[in-house]
């Protein structure tokens, strides 16, 4: 007897073994059909699917039973700084597309530049039995990930290199890109060029600052440490630091913004001061509608889709053959001159 507050005793569920017996095939063949893997004829596939329908078989999708007969879970993890930022979101999209082609699901999360959060997320993904991890790291010591590698769970780094760990990575030459931006501004007459960079704990931010300094030195300019501002990590902080630079006794005539959110903050400050057509600006990383602003924003553009595709390619190659040599792939970048970076310096400045 049951009431609305009790559940009836469930009938025994059909198992994959039951399906294999009904269809007259092996467990491996049933697994291939269930997971849409190649290597099964159309006739056998239809026989297995008929058995699944007749027995009302439903695959168990609990965390532990996601693992297939080949001991893979058909899931990978992707951990980034902040997936509300369009830059990592676009990288994730390409990883998802590549994973979908292999019948693999992606678990994604943001660590918000907290090394402790990164470790917690990696541990959680490990407990979920993922087959591999793509990570844009927050930590500066990744030796703890060696345990995953020993367990044949590959880790691919994107945007930032691994530290104290041999692992595959997809990077760009951030230092060269920043130097090119500064040289471009110098070619338009600028001598007081400011740099607003992300957190000093982020390898890419450090490399971009070094590239900024390289460009100043190559141009024969005096380095003014007051013009290089680090640890700017939000639109609001970028706007505030820009206002402070503009209010100084010797304000910059040009600004290199170290990432897309910083660029947006700089634009807010320049527009509020009525200087968007007087102070040149180049941003690192492109962003939506940058070409429709007035003036359009010049950027160092990364081939973001290629970064995601390369990361997925390295991950799946490592999953298929753990003996492959460690690889570091470099995605291209280019300077996109749209207008804001071509504003000339005032006379004598």
C-alpha atoms as a PDB file:
ATOM      1  CA  UNK A   1       0.000   0.000   0.000  1.00  0.00           C
ATOM      2  CA  UNK A   2       1.256   3.466  -0.811  1.00  0.00           C
ATOM      3  CA  UNK A   3       0.238   7.007   0.077  1.00  0.00           C
ATOM      4  CA  UNK A   4       1.213  10.324  -1.492  1.00  0.00           C
ATOM      5  CA  UNK A   5       4.083  10.522   1.004  1.00  0.00           C
ATOM      6  CA  UNK A   6       5.573   7.111   0.265  1.00  0.00           C
ATOM      7  CA  UNK A   7       7.121   5.721  -2.850  1.00  0.00           C
ATOM      8  CA  UNK A   8       6.107   2.378  -4.368  1.00  0.00           C
ATOM      9  CA  UNK A   9       8.749  -0.312  -4.442  1.00  0.00           C
ATOM     10  CA  UNK A  10      10.596   0.180  -7.740  1.00  0.00           C
ATOM     11  CA  UNK A  11      10.848  -2.613 -10.273  1.00  0.00           C
ATOM     12  CA  UNK A  12      14.299  -4.011 -10.961  1.00  0.00           C
ATOM     13  CA  UNK A  13      15.987  -1.890 -13.602  1.00  0.00           C
ATOM     14  CA  UNK A  14      17.327  -3.437 -16.765  1.00  0.00           C
ATOM     15  CA  UNK A  15      21.102  -3.496 -16.902  1.00  0.00           C
ATOM     16  CA  UNK A  16      23.561  -3.230 -19.747  1.00  0.00           C
ATOM     17  CA  UNK A  17      24.136  -6.973 -19.336  1.00  0.00           C
ATOM     18  CA  UNK A  18      20.418  -7.560 -19.932  1.00  0.00           C
ATOM     19  CA  UNK A  19      20.581  -5.507 -23.123  1.00  0.00           C
ATOM     20  CA  UNK A  20      23.644  -7.416 -24.340  1.00  0.00           C
ATOM     21  CA  UNK A  21      21.882 -10.732 -23.695  1.00  0.00           C
ATOM     22  CA  UNK A  22      18.665  -9.662 -25.461  1.00  0.00           C
ATOM     23  CA  UNK A  23      20.570  -8.305 -28.488  1.00  0.00           C
ATOM     24  CA  UNK A  24      23.032 -11.195 -28.598  1.00  0.00           C
ATOM     25  CA  UNK A  25      26.103  -8.960 -28.460  1.00  0.00           C
ATOM     26  CA  UNK A  26      28.947  -8.195 -26.062  1.00  0.00           C
ATOM     27  CA  UNK A  27      28.889  -5.609 -23.279  1.00  0.00           C
ATOM     28  CA  UNK A  28      31.491  -3.603 -25.203  1.00  0.00           C
ATOM     29  CA  UNK A  29      29.193  -3.405 -28.220  1.00  0.00           C
ATOM     30  CA  UNK A  30      26.318  -2.147 -26.063  1.00  0.00           C
ATOM     31  CA  UNK A  31      28.671   0.456 -24.566  1.00  0.00           C
ATOM     32  CA  UNK A  32      29.670   1.640 -28.026  1.00  0.00           C
ATOM     33  CA  UNK A  33      26.075   2.045 -29.114  1.00  0.00           C
ATOM     34  CA  UNK A  34      25.061   3.839 -25.900  1.00  0.00           C
ATOM     35  CA  UNK A  35      28.029   6.222 -26.225  1.00  0.00           C
ATOM     36  CA  UNK A  36      27.593   6.749 -30.002  1.00  0.00           C
ATOM     37  CA  UNK A  37      31.059   5.383 -30.720  1.00  0.00           C
ATOM     38  CA  UNK A  38      32.133   4.175 -34.168  1.00  0.00           C
ATOM     39  CA  UNK A  39      32.864   0.559 -35.076  1.00  0.00           C
ATOM     40  CA  UNK A  40      29.363  -0.955 -34.905  1.00  0.00           C
ATOM     41  CA  UNK A  41      27.373  -1.888 -38.023  1.00  0.00           C
ATOM     42  CA  UNK A  42      23.978  -0.339 -38.674  1.00  0.00           C
ATOM     43  CA  UNK A  43      22.265  -3.741 -38.294  1.00  0.00           C
ATOM     44  CA  UNK A  44      23.847  -4.441 -34.894  1.00  0.00           C
ATOM     45  CA  UNK A  45      23.203  -0.869 -33.747  1.00  0.00           C
ATOM     46  CA  UNK A  46      19.509  -1.186 -34.522  1.00  0.00           C
ATOM     47  CA  UNK A  47      19.362  -4.574 -32.724  1.00  0.00           C
ATOM     48  CA  UNK A  48      20.899  -3.067 -29.603  1.00  0.00           C
ATOM     49  CA  UNK A  49      18.589  -0.037 -29.722  1.00  0.00           C
ATOM     50  CA  UNK A  50      15.584  -2.330 -30.109  1.00  0.00           C
ATOM     51  CA  UNK A  51      16.669  -4.252 -27.006  1.00  0.00           C
ATOM     52  CA  UNK A  52      17.095  -0.957 -25.124  1.00  0.00           C
ATOM     53  CA  UNK A  53      13.546   0.065 -26.062  1.00  0.00           C
ATOM     54  CA  UNK A  54      12.039  -3.315 -25.192  1.00  0.00           C
ATOM     55  CA  UNK A  55      13.748  -3.489 -21.815  1.00  0.00           C
ATOM     56  CA  UNK A  56      13.318   0.253 -21.151  1.00  0.00           C
ATOM     57  CA  UNK A  57      16.984   0.385 -20.311  1.00  0.00           C
ATOM     58  CA  UNK A  58      18.219   3.746 -19.010  1.00  0.00           C
ATOM     59  CA  UNK A  59      21.964   4.391 -18.562  1.00  0.00           C
ATOM     60  CA  UNK A  60      22.875   5.268 -14.993  1.00  0.00           C
ATOM     61  CA  UNK A  61      24.324   8.793 -15.089  1.00  0.00           C
ATOM     62  CA  UNK A  62      25.389   9.122 -11.465  1.00  0.00           C
ATOM     63  CA  UNK A  63      28.853  10.569 -10.936  1.00  0.00           C
ATOM     64  CA  UNK A  64      30.599   7.257 -10.431  1.00  0.00           C
ATOM     65  CA  UNK A  65      28.786   5.305 -13.129  1.00  0.00           C
ATOM     66  CA  UNK A  66      29.634   7.870 -15.799  1.00  0.00           C
ATOM     67  CA  UNK A  67      32.690   5.690 -16.335  1.00  0.00           C
ATOM     68  CA  UNK A  68      32.352   3.507 -19.400  1.00  0.00           C
ATOM     69  CA  UNK A  69      33.652   0.001 -19.869  1.00  0.00           C
ATOM     70  CA  UNK A  70      36.946   1.458 -21.117  1.00  0.00           C
ATOM     71  CA  UNK A  71      37.257   3.188 -17.711  1.00  0.00           C
ATOM     72  CA  UNK A  72      36.723   6.627 -19.190  1.00  0.00           C
ATOM     73  CA  UNK A  73      33.935   8.911 -18.070  1.00  0.00           C
ATOM     74  CA  UNK A  74      33.388  10.795 -21.330  1.00  0.00           C
ATOM     75  CA  UNK A  75      33.802  14.018 -19.354  1.00  0.00           C
ATOM     76  CA  UNK A  76      36.594  16.575 -19.208  1.00  0.00           C
ATOM     77  CA  UNK A  77      37.014  19.671 -17.046  1.00  0.00           C
ATOM     78  CA  UNK A  78      37.791  23.250 -18.004  1.00  0.00           C
ATOM     79  CA  UNK A  79      38.815  25.667 -15.250  1.00  0.00           C
ATOM     80  CA  UNK A  80      39.298  29.369 -15.976  1.00  0.00           C
ATOM     81  CA  UNK A  81      39.658  32.654 -14.109  1.00  0.00           C
ATOM     82  CA  UNK A  82      36.199  34.051 -14.808  1.00  0.00           C
ATOM     83  CA  UNK A  83      33.858  32.565 -17.394  1.00  0.00           C
ATOM     84  CA  UNK A  84      31.783  35.750 -17.435  1.00  0.00           C
ATOM     85  CA  UNK A  85      34.763  37.304 -19.237  1.00  0.00           C
ATOM     86  CA  UNK A  86      34.293  36.864 -23.014  1.00  0.00           C
ATOM     87  CA  UNK A  87      37.957  35.897 -23.535  1.00  0.00           C
ATOM     88  CA  UNK A  88      37.962  32.575 -21.607  1.00  0.00           C
ATOM     89  CA  UNK A  89      34.322  31.999 -22.558  1.00  0.00           C
ATOM     90  CA  UNK A  90      35.307  31.925 -26.235  1.00  0.00           C
ATOM     91  CA  UNK A  91      38.165  29.510 -25.487  1.00  0.00           C
ATOM     92  CA  UNK A  92      35.727  27.269 -23.610  1.00  0.00           C
ATOM     93  CA  UNK A  93      33.314  27.326 -26.543  1.00  0.00           C
ATOM     94  CA  UNK A  94      35.936  25.868 -28.885  1.00  0.00           C
ATOM     95  CA  UNK A  95      36.805  23.178 -26.329  1.00  0.00           C
ATOM     96  CA  UNK A  96      33.118  22.292 -26.068  1.00  0.00           C
ATOM     97  CA  UNK A  97      32.784  21.999 -29.849  1.00  0.00           C
ATOM     98  CA  UNK A  98      35.804  19.703 -30.089  1.00  0.00           C
ATOM     99  CA  UNK A  99      34.547  17.627 -27.150  1.00  0.00           C
ATOM    100  CA  UNK A 100      31.102  17.289 -28.679  1.00  0.00           C
ATOM    101  CA  UNK A 101      32.618  15.784 -31.815  1.00  0.00           C
ATOM    102  CA  UNK A 102      34.049  13.018 -29.603  1.00  0.00           C
ATOM    103  CA  UNK A 103      30.888  12.493 -27.586  1.00  0.00           C
ATOM    104  CA  UNK A 104      32.514  14.066 -24.524  1.00  0.00           C
ATOM    105  CA  UNK A 105      30.864  16.441 -22.020  1.00  0.00           C
ATOM    106  CA  UNK A 106      32.630  19.421 -20.423  1.00  0.00           C
ATOM    107  CA  UNK A 107      32.398  20.455 -16.768  1.00  0.00           C
ATOM    108  CA  UNK A 108      33.438  24.118 -16.467  1.00  0.00           C
ATOM    109  CA  UNK A 109      34.130  26.403 -13.508  1.00  0.00           C
ATOM    110  CA  UNK A 110      35.799  29.692 -12.508  1.00  0.00           C
ATOM    111  CA  UNK A 111      38.551  30.003  -9.890  1.00  0.00           C
ATOM    112  CA  UNK A 112      38.427  33.836  -9.694  1.00  0.00           C
ATOM    113  CA  UNK A 113      42.239  34.072  -9.500  1.00  0.00           C
ATOM    114  CA  UNK A 114      42.283  32.214  -6.179  1.00  0.00           C
ATOM    115  CA  UNK A 115      44.894  29.436  -6.004  1.00  0.00           C
ATOM    116  CA  UNK A 116      42.960  27.745  -3.186  1.00  0.00           C
ATOM    117  CA  UNK A 117      39.823  27.761  -5.299  1.00  0.00           C
ATOM    118  CA  UNK A 118      41.778  26.297  -8.220  1.00  0.00           C
ATOM    119  CA  UNK A 119      42.916  23.393  -6.036  1.00  0.00           C
ATOM    120  CA  UNK A 120      39.380  22.839  -4.722  1.00  0.00           C
ATOM    121  CA  UNK A 121      37.982  22.742  -8.255  1.00  0.00           C
ATOM    122  CA  UNK A 122      40.674  20.355  -9.486  1.00  0.00           C
ATOM    123  CA  UNK A 123      39.959  18.062  -6.541  1.00  0.00           C
ATOM    124  CA  UNK A 124      36.222  18.202  -7.224  1.00  0.00           C
ATOM    125  CA  UNK A 125      36.715  17.415 -10.913  1.00  0.00           C
ATOM    126  CA  UNK A 126      39.004  14.535  -9.952  1.00  0.00           C
ATOM    127  CA  UNK A 127      36.329  13.122  -7.652  1.00  0.00           C
ATOM    128  CA  UNK A 128      33.862  13.329 -10.545  1.00  0.00           C
ATOM    129  CA  UNK A 129      36.210  11.123 -12.529  1.00  0.00           C
ATOM    130  CA  UNK A 130      37.026  13.445 -15.427  1.00  0.00           C
ATOM    131  CA  UNK A 131      39.333  12.091 -18.118  1.00  0.00           C
ATOM    132  CA  UNK A 132      41.375  15.285 -18.476  1.00  0.00           C
ATOM    133  CA  UNK A 133      41.565  18.923 -17.418  1.00  0.00           C
ATOM    134  CA  UNK A 134      42.178  22.189 -19.274  1.00  0.00           C
ATOM    135  CA  UNK A 135      43.196  24.929 -16.858  1.00  0.00           C
ATOM    136  CA  UNK A 136      43.997  28.623 -16.989  1.00  0.00           C
ATOM    137  CA  UNK A 137      45.931  28.530 -13.725  1.00  0.00           C
ATOM    138  CA  UNK A 138      45.806  30.907 -10.793  1.00  0.00           C
ATOM    139  CA  UNK A 139      48.495  29.169  -8.735  1.00  0.00           C
ATOM    140  CA  UNK A 140      52.219  29.736  -9.314  1.00  0.00           C
ATOM    141  CA  UNK A 141      53.176  26.187  -8.273  1.00  0.00           C
ATOM    142  CA  UNK A 142      51.475  23.363 -10.130  1.00  0.00           C
ATOM    143  CA  UNK A 143      53.462  20.450  -8.734  1.00  0.00           C
ATOM    144  CA  UNK A 144      50.313  19.220  -6.976  1.00  0.00           C
ATOM    145  CA  UNK A 145      48.888  18.291 -10.401  1.00  0.00           C
ATOM    146  CA  UNK A 146      51.556  15.622 -10.855  1.00  0.00           C
ATOM    147  CA  UNK A 147      49.275  13.238  -8.956  1.00  0.00           C
ATOM    148  CA  UNK A 148      46.696  13.539 -11.723  1.00  0.00           C
ATOM    149  CA  UNK A 149      49.320  12.896 -14.379  1.00  0.00           C
ATOM    150  CA  UNK A 150      50.431   9.748 -12.546  1.00  0.00           C
ATOM    151  CA  UNK A 151      46.802   8.615 -12.616  1.00  0.00           C
ATOM    152  CA  UNK A 152      46.768   9.135 -16.425  1.00  0.00           C
ATOM    153  CA  UNK A 153      44.594  12.253 -16.205  1.00  0.00           C
ATOM    154  CA  UNK A 154      46.266  14.776 -18.525  1.00  0.00           C
ATOM    155  CA  UNK A 155      46.359  18.486 -17.695  1.00  0.00           C
ATOM    156  CA  UNK A 156      46.604  21.118 -20.432  1.00  0.00           C
ATOM    157  CA  UNK A 157      47.507  24.711 -19.563  1.00  0.00           C
ATOM    158  CA  UNK A 158      46.076  27.614 -21.534  1.00  0.00           C
ATOM    159  CA  UNK A 159      47.122  31.268 -21.560  1.00  0.00           C
ATOM    160  CA  UNK A 160      49.616  30.786 -18.712  1.00  0.00           C
ATOM    161  CA  UNK A 161      52.564  28.388 -18.515  1.00  0.00           C
ATOM    162  CA  UNK A 162      52.882  25.573 -15.966  1.00  0.00           C
ATOM    163  CA  UNK A 163      55.219  26.110 -13.023  1.00  0.00           C
ATOM    164  CA  UNK A 164      57.176  23.250 -11.429  1.00  0.00           C
ATOM    165  CA  UNK A 165      55.381  20.757 -13.662  1.00  0.00           C
ATOM    166  CA  UNK A 166      56.025  19.317 -17.110  1.00  0.00           C
ATOM    167  CA  UNK A 167      52.739  19.664 -18.965  1.00  0.00           C
ATOM    168  CA  UNK A 168      51.340  20.588 -22.359  1.00  0.00           C
ATOM    169  CA  UNK A 169      50.402  24.243 -22.835  1.00  0.00           C
ATOM    170  CA  UNK A 170      48.873  26.654 -25.335  1.00  0.00           C
ATOM    171  CA  UNK A 171      50.304  30.154 -25.054  1.00  0.00           C
ATOM    172  CA  UNK A 172      50.906  33.329 -27.005  1.00  0.00           C
ATOM    173  CA  UNK A 173      53.995  35.542 -26.986  1.00  0.00           C
ATOM    174  CA  UNK A 174      52.574  38.194 -24.666  1.00  0.00           C
ATOM    175  CA  UNK A 175      55.861  40.016 -24.309  1.00  0.00           C
ATOM    176  CA  UNK A 176      56.269  40.467 -28.064  1.00  0.00           C
ATOM    177  CA  UNK A 177      52.673  41.637 -28.423  1.00  0.00           C
ATOM    178  CA  UNK A 178      53.030  44.309 -25.737  1.00  0.00           C
ATOM    179  CA  UNK A 179      56.308  45.501 -27.227  1.00  0.00           C
ATOM    180  CA  UNK A 180      54.680  45.820 -30.654  1.00  0.00           C
ATOM    181  CA  UNK A 181      51.882  47.915 -29.148  1.00  0.00           C
ATOM    182  CA  UNK A 182      54.341  50.318 -27.520  1.00  0.00           C
ATOM    183  CA  UNK A 183      56.400  50.623 -30.701  1.00  0.00           C
ATOM    184  CA  UNK A 184      53.178  51.412 -32.580  1.00  0.00           C
ATOM    185  CA  UNK A 185      52.366  54.218 -30.138  1.00  0.00           C
ATOM    186  CA  UNK A 186      55.908  55.587 -30.357  1.00  0.00           C
ATOM    187  CA  UNK A 187      55.582  55.633 -34.154  1.00  0.00           C
ATOM    188  CA  UNK A 188      52.642  58.016 -33.665  1.00  0.00           C
ATOM    189  CA  UNK A 189      54.769  60.403 -31.649  1.00  0.00           C
ATOM    190  CA  UNK A 190      54.022  59.334 -28.092  1.00  0.00           C
ATOM    191  CA  UNK A 191      56.699  59.623 -25.424  1.00  0.00           C
ATOM    192  CA  UNK A 192      54.653  59.298 -22.223  1.00  0.00           C
ATOM    193  CA  UNK A 193      52.990  55.921 -22.481  1.00  0.00           C
ATOM    194  CA  UNK A 194      51.248  54.356 -19.499  1.00  0.00           C
ATOM    195  CA  UNK A 195      50.636  50.674 -18.860  1.00  0.00           C
ATOM    196  CA  UNK A 196      47.811  49.232 -16.755  1.00  0.00           C
ATOM    197  CA  UNK A 197      48.384  45.561 -16.004  1.00  0.00           C
ATOM    198  CA  UNK A 198      46.520  42.746 -14.305  1.00  0.00           C
ATOM    199  CA  UNK A 199      47.561  41.035 -11.047  1.00  0.00           C
ATOM    200  CA  UNK A 200      51.313  40.666 -10.511  1.00  0.00           C
ATOM    201  CA  UNK A 201      50.749  36.986  -9.713  1.00  0.00           C
ATOM    202  CA  UNK A 202      49.555  36.308 -13.280  1.00  0.00           C
ATOM    203  CA  UNK A 203      52.332  35.263 -15.656  1.00  0.00           C
ATOM    204  CA  UNK A 204      50.732  36.901 -18.682  1.00  0.00           C
ATOM    205  CA  UNK A 205      50.409  40.234 -16.857  1.00  0.00           C
ATOM    206  CA  UNK A 206      54.088  40.123 -15.934  1.00  0.00           C
ATOM    207  CA  UNK A 207      55.091  39.267 -19.504  1.00  0.00           C
ATOM    208  CA  UNK A 208      53.023  42.114 -20.906  1.00  0.00           C
ATOM    209  CA  UNK A 209      54.628  44.567 -18.494  1.00  0.00           C
ATOM    210  CA  UNK A 210      58.056  43.329 -19.582  1.00  0.00           C
ATOM    211  CA  UNK A 211      57.044  43.793 -23.220  1.00  0.00           C
ATOM    212  CA  UNK A 212      55.913  47.338 -22.408  1.00  0.00           C
ATOM    213  CA  UNK A 213      59.313  48.082 -20.887  1.00  0.00           C
ATOM    214  CA  UNK A 214      61.069  46.436 -23.861  1.00  0.00           C
ATOM    215  CA  UNK A 215      59.207  48.782 -26.190  1.00  0.00           C
ATOM    216  CA  UNK A 216      60.164  51.863 -24.197  1.00  0.00           C
ATOM    217  CA  UNK A 217      63.816  50.848 -24.152  1.00  0.00           C
ATOM    218  CA  UNK A 218      63.820  50.029 -27.868  1.00  0.00           C
ATOM    219  CA  UNK A 219      62.332  53.456 -28.544  1.00  0.00           C
ATOM    220  CA  UNK A 220      64.980  55.216 -26.470  1.00  0.00           C
ATOM    221  CA  UNK A 221      62.454  56.523 -23.961  1.00  0.00           C
ATOM    222  CA  UNK A 222      63.033  57.216 -20.292  1.00  0.00           C
ATOM    223  CA  UNK A 223      61.166  54.740 -18.098  1.00  0.00           C
ATOM    224  CA  UNK A 224      58.884  56.468 -15.603  1.00  0.00           C
ATOM    225  CA  UNK A 225      57.820  53.836 -13.030  1.00  0.00           C
ATOM    226  CA  UNK A 226      54.771  55.957 -12.130  1.00  0.00           C
ATOM    227  CA  UNK A 227      53.300  55.179 -15.535  1.00  0.00           C
ATOM    228  CA  UNK A 228      53.384  51.387 -15.065  1.00  0.00           C
ATOM    229  CA  UNK A 229      50.459  50.390 -12.849  1.00  0.00           C
ATOM    230  CA  UNK A 230      49.944  46.736 -11.925  1.00  0.00           C
ATOM    231  CA  UNK A 231      47.343  44.763  -9.953  1.00  0.00           C
ATOM    232  CA  UNK A 232      44.369  46.199 -11.821  1.00  0.00           C
ATOM    233  CA  UNK A 233      41.767  43.463 -12.102  1.00  0.00           C
ATOM    234  CA  UNK A 234      38.377  45.010 -12.826  1.00  0.00           C
ATOM    235  CA  UNK A 235      36.671  47.635 -14.956  1.00  0.00           C
ATOM    236  CA  UNK A 236      36.170  49.881 -11.921  1.00  0.00           C
ATOM    237  CA  UNK A 237      39.796  49.646 -10.796  1.00  0.00           C
ATOM    238  CA  UNK A 238      40.990  50.400 -14.322  1.00  0.00           C
ATOM    239  CA  UNK A 239      38.799  53.489 -14.542  1.00  0.00           C
ATOM    240  CA  UNK A 240      40.058  54.735 -11.163  1.00  0.00           C
ATOM    241  CA  UNK A 241      43.752  54.160 -11.975  1.00  0.00           C
ATOM    242  CA  UNK A 242      43.258  55.932 -15.316  1.00  0.00           C
ATOM    243  CA  UNK A 243      41.682  58.941 -13.631  1.00  0.00           C
ATOM    244  CA  UNK A 244      44.659  59.124 -11.264  1.00  0.00           C
ATOM    245  CA  UNK A 245      47.131  59.012 -14.153  1.00  0.00           C
ATOM    246  CA  UNK A 246      45.265  61.727 -16.054  1.00  0.00           C
ATOM    247  CA  UNK A 247      45.142  63.953 -12.955  1.00  0.00           C
ATOM    248  CA  UNK A 248      48.923  63.833 -12.461  1.00  0.00           C
ATOM    249  CA  UNK A 249      51.294  66.695 -13.260  1.00  0.00           C
ATOM    250  CA  UNK A 250      52.631  64.868 -16.340  1.00  0.00           C
ATOM    251  CA  UNK A 251      49.788  62.694 -17.634  1.00  0.00           C
ATOM    252  CA  UNK A 252      50.332  60.078 -20.328  1.00  0.00           C
ATOM    253  CA  UNK A 253      49.415  60.799 -23.930  1.00  0.00           C
ATOM    254  CA  UNK A 254      48.892  57.103 -24.643  1.00  0.00           C
ATOM    255  CA  UNK A 255      47.840  54.022 -22.662  1.00  0.00           C
ATOM    256  CA  UNK A 256      48.430  50.312 -23.165  1.00  0.00           C
ATOM    257  CA  UNK A 257      45.717  48.337 -21.333  1.00  0.00           C
ATOM    258  CA  UNK A 258      46.835  44.888 -20.190  1.00  0.00           C
ATOM    259  CA  UNK A 259      43.570  42.972 -20.804  1.00  0.00           C
ATOM    260  CA  UNK A 260      40.067  43.509 -22.128  1.00  0.00           C
ATOM    261  CA  UNK A 261      38.352  44.481 -18.851  1.00  0.00           C
ATOM    262  CA  UNK A 262      41.098  47.002 -18.169  1.00  0.00           C
ATOM    263  CA  UNK A 263      40.584  48.432 -21.657  1.00  0.00           C
ATOM    264  CA  UNK A 264      36.889  48.971 -20.933  1.00  0.00           C
ATOM    265  CA  UNK A 265      37.705  50.755 -17.673  1.00  0.00           C
ATOM    266  CA  UNK A 266      40.187  53.024 -19.446  1.00  0.00           C
ATOM    267  CA  UNK A 267      37.537  53.898 -22.043  1.00  0.00           C
ATOM    268  CA  UNK A 268      35.087  54.859 -19.293  1.00  0.00           C
ATOM    269  CA  UNK A 269      37.653  57.203 -17.722  1.00  0.00           C
ATOM    270  CA  UNK A 270      38.740  58.774 -21.024  1.00  0.00           C
ATOM    271  CA  UNK A 271      35.155  59.418 -22.080  1.00  0.00           C
ATOM    272  CA  UNK A 272      34.264  60.901 -18.687  1.00  0.00           C
ATOM    273  CA  UNK A 273      37.187  63.306 -19.072  1.00  0.00           C
ATOM    274  CA  UNK A 274      36.393  64.051 -22.708  1.00  0.00           C
ATOM    275  CA  UNK A 275      39.787  62.692 -23.759  1.00  0.00           C
ATOM    276  CA  UNK A 276      38.808  59.675 -25.851  1.00  0.00           C
ATOM    277  CA  UNK A 277      40.036  61.477 -29.001  1.00  0.00           C
ATOM    278  CA  UNK A 278      43.112  63.015 -27.360  1.00  0.00           C
ATOM    279  CA  UNK A 279      44.751  60.103 -25.507  1.00  0.00           C
ATOM    280  CA  UNK A 280      45.746  57.111 -27.626  1.00  0.00           C
ATOM    281  CA  UNK A 281      44.731  53.654 -26.447  1.00  0.00           C
ATOM    282  CA  UNK A 282      45.679  50.105 -27.371  1.00  0.00           C
ATOM    283  CA  UNK A 283      44.078  47.221 -25.520  1.00  0.00           C
ATOM    284  CA  UNK A 284      45.433  43.708 -25.101  1.00  0.00           C
ATOM    285  CA  UNK A 285      42.731  41.181 -26.123  1.00  0.00           C
ATOM    286  CA  UNK A 286      39.875  42.056 -28.436  1.00  0.00           C
ATOM    287  CA  UNK A 287      36.303  42.339 -27.219  1.00  0.00           C
ATOM    288  CA  UNK A 288      32.807  42.575 -28.675  1.00  0.00           C
ATOM    289  CA  UNK A 289      31.862  45.937 -30.200  1.00  0.00           C
ATOM    290  CA  UNK A 290      35.413  47.305 -29.910  1.00  0.00           C
ATOM    291  CA  UNK A 291      35.245  48.172 -33.601  1.00  0.00           C
ATOM    292  CA  UNK A 292      31.934  50.047 -33.173  1.00  0.00           C
ATOM    293  CA  UNK A 293      33.034  52.440 -30.432  1.00  0.00           C
ATOM    294  CA  UNK A 294      33.974  56.026 -31.200  1.00  0.00           C
ATOM    295  CA  UNK A 295      36.855  55.968 -31.795  1.00  0.00           C
ATOM    296  CA  UNK A 296      37.144  52.251 -32.632  1.00  0.00           C
ATOM    297  CA  UNK A 297      39.561  50.539 -30.262  1.00  0.00           C
ATOM    298  CA  UNK A 298      42.939  49.328 -31.512  1.00  0.00           C
ATOM    299  CA  UNK A 299      43.923  46.012 -29.922  1.00  0.00           C
ATOM    300  CA  UNK A 300      46.460  43.249 -29.740  1.00  0.00           C
ATOM    301  CA  UNK A 301      44.145  40.464 -30.827  1.00  0.00           C
ATOM    302  CA  UNK A 302      44.707  36.851 -29.899  1.00  0.00           C
ATOM    303  CA  UNK A 303      43.371  34.061 -32.087  1.00  0.00           C
ATOM    304  CA  UNK A 304      41.136  32.933 -29.239  1.00  0.00           C
ATOM    305  CA  UNK A 305      39.291  30.264 -31.202  1.00  0.00           C
ATOM    306  CA  UNK A 306      42.616  28.754 -32.209  1.00  0.00           C
ATOM    307  CA  UNK A 307      43.736  28.697 -28.564  1.00  0.00           C
ATOM    308  CA  UNK A 308      40.660  26.676 -27.626  1.00  0.00           C
ATOM    309  CA  UNK A 309      41.015  24.330 -30.584  1.00  0.00           C
ATOM    310  CA  UNK A 310      44.708  23.745 -29.837  1.00  0.00           C
ATOM    311  CA  UNK A 311      43.984  23.066 -26.155  1.00  0.00           C
ATOM    312  CA  UNK A 312      41.349  20.488 -27.051  1.00  0.00           C
ATOM    313  CA  UNK A 313      43.628  18.895 -29.640  1.00  0.00           C
ATOM    314  CA  UNK A 314      46.481  18.549 -27.138  1.00  0.00           C
ATOM    315  CA  UNK A 315      44.167  17.159 -24.470  1.00  0.00           C
ATOM    316  CA  UNK A 316      42.591  14.484 -26.654  1.00  0.00           C
ATOM    317  CA  UNK A 317      45.950  13.556 -28.159  1.00  0.00           C
ATOM    318  CA  UNK A 318      47.367  13.109 -24.644  1.00  0.00           C
ATOM    319  CA  UNK A 319      44.333  11.059 -23.594  1.00  0.00           C
ATOM    320  CA  UNK A 320      44.789   8.800 -26.613  1.00  0.00           C
ATOM    321  CA  UNK A 321      48.559   8.449 -26.195  1.00  0.00           C
ATOM    322  CA  UNK A 322      50.055   9.402 -22.799  1.00  0.00           C
ATOM    323  CA  UNK A 323      53.564   8.662 -24.128  1.00  0.00           C
ATOM    324  CA  UNK A 324      53.607  11.692 -26.459  1.00  0.00           C
ATOM    325  CA  UNK A 325      56.353  14.258 -25.773  1.00  0.00           C
ATOM    326  CA  UNK A 326      55.350  17.386 -23.875  1.00  0.00           C
ATOM    327  CA  UNK A 327      54.283  20.145 -26.259  1.00  0.00           C
ATOM    328  CA  UNK A 328      53.963  23.926 -25.979  1.00  0.00           C
ATOM    329  CA  UNK A 329      51.881  25.356 -28.815  1.00  0.00           C
ATOM    330  CA  UNK A 330      51.888  29.078 -29.591  1.00  0.00           C
ATOM    331  CA  UNK A 331      48.810  30.751 -31.026  1.00  0.00           C
ATOM    332  CA  UNK A 332      49.320  33.855 -33.185  1.00  0.00           C
ATOM    333  CA  UNK A 333      48.506  37.430 -32.256  1.00  0.00           C
ATOM    334  CA  UNK A 334      48.180  40.547 -34.372  1.00  0.00           C
ATOM    335  CA  UNK A 335      47.894  44.288 -33.906  1.00  0.00           C
ATOM    336  CA  UNK A 336      44.539  45.519 -35.174  1.00  0.00           C
ATOM    337  CA  UNK A 337      44.743  49.262 -35.886  1.00  0.00           C
ATOM    338  CA  UNK A 338      41.228  50.684 -35.723  1.00  0.00           C
ATOM    339  CA  UNK A 339      41.686  54.280 -34.652  1.00  0.00           C
ATOM    340  CA  UNK A 340      42.254  54.735 -30.926  1.00  0.00           C
ATOM    341  CA  UNK A 341      45.854  53.553 -31.176  1.00  0.00           C
ATOM    342  CA  UNK A 342      46.583  55.894 -34.059  1.00  0.00           C
ATOM    343  CA  UNK A 343      45.684  59.142 -32.292  1.00  0.00           C
ATOM    344  CA  UNK A 344      48.824  61.295 -32.653  1.00  0.00           C
ATOM    345  CA  UNK A 345      50.648  62.745 -29.679  1.00  0.00           C
ATOM    346  CA  UNK A 346      50.146  66.446 -28.972  1.00  0.00           C
ATOM    347  CA  UNK A 347      52.971  68.638 -30.225  1.00  0.00           C
ATOM    348  CA  UNK A 348      55.963  68.544 -27.908  1.00  0.00           C
ATOM    349  CA  UNK A 349      54.601  65.659 -25.849  1.00  0.00           C
END
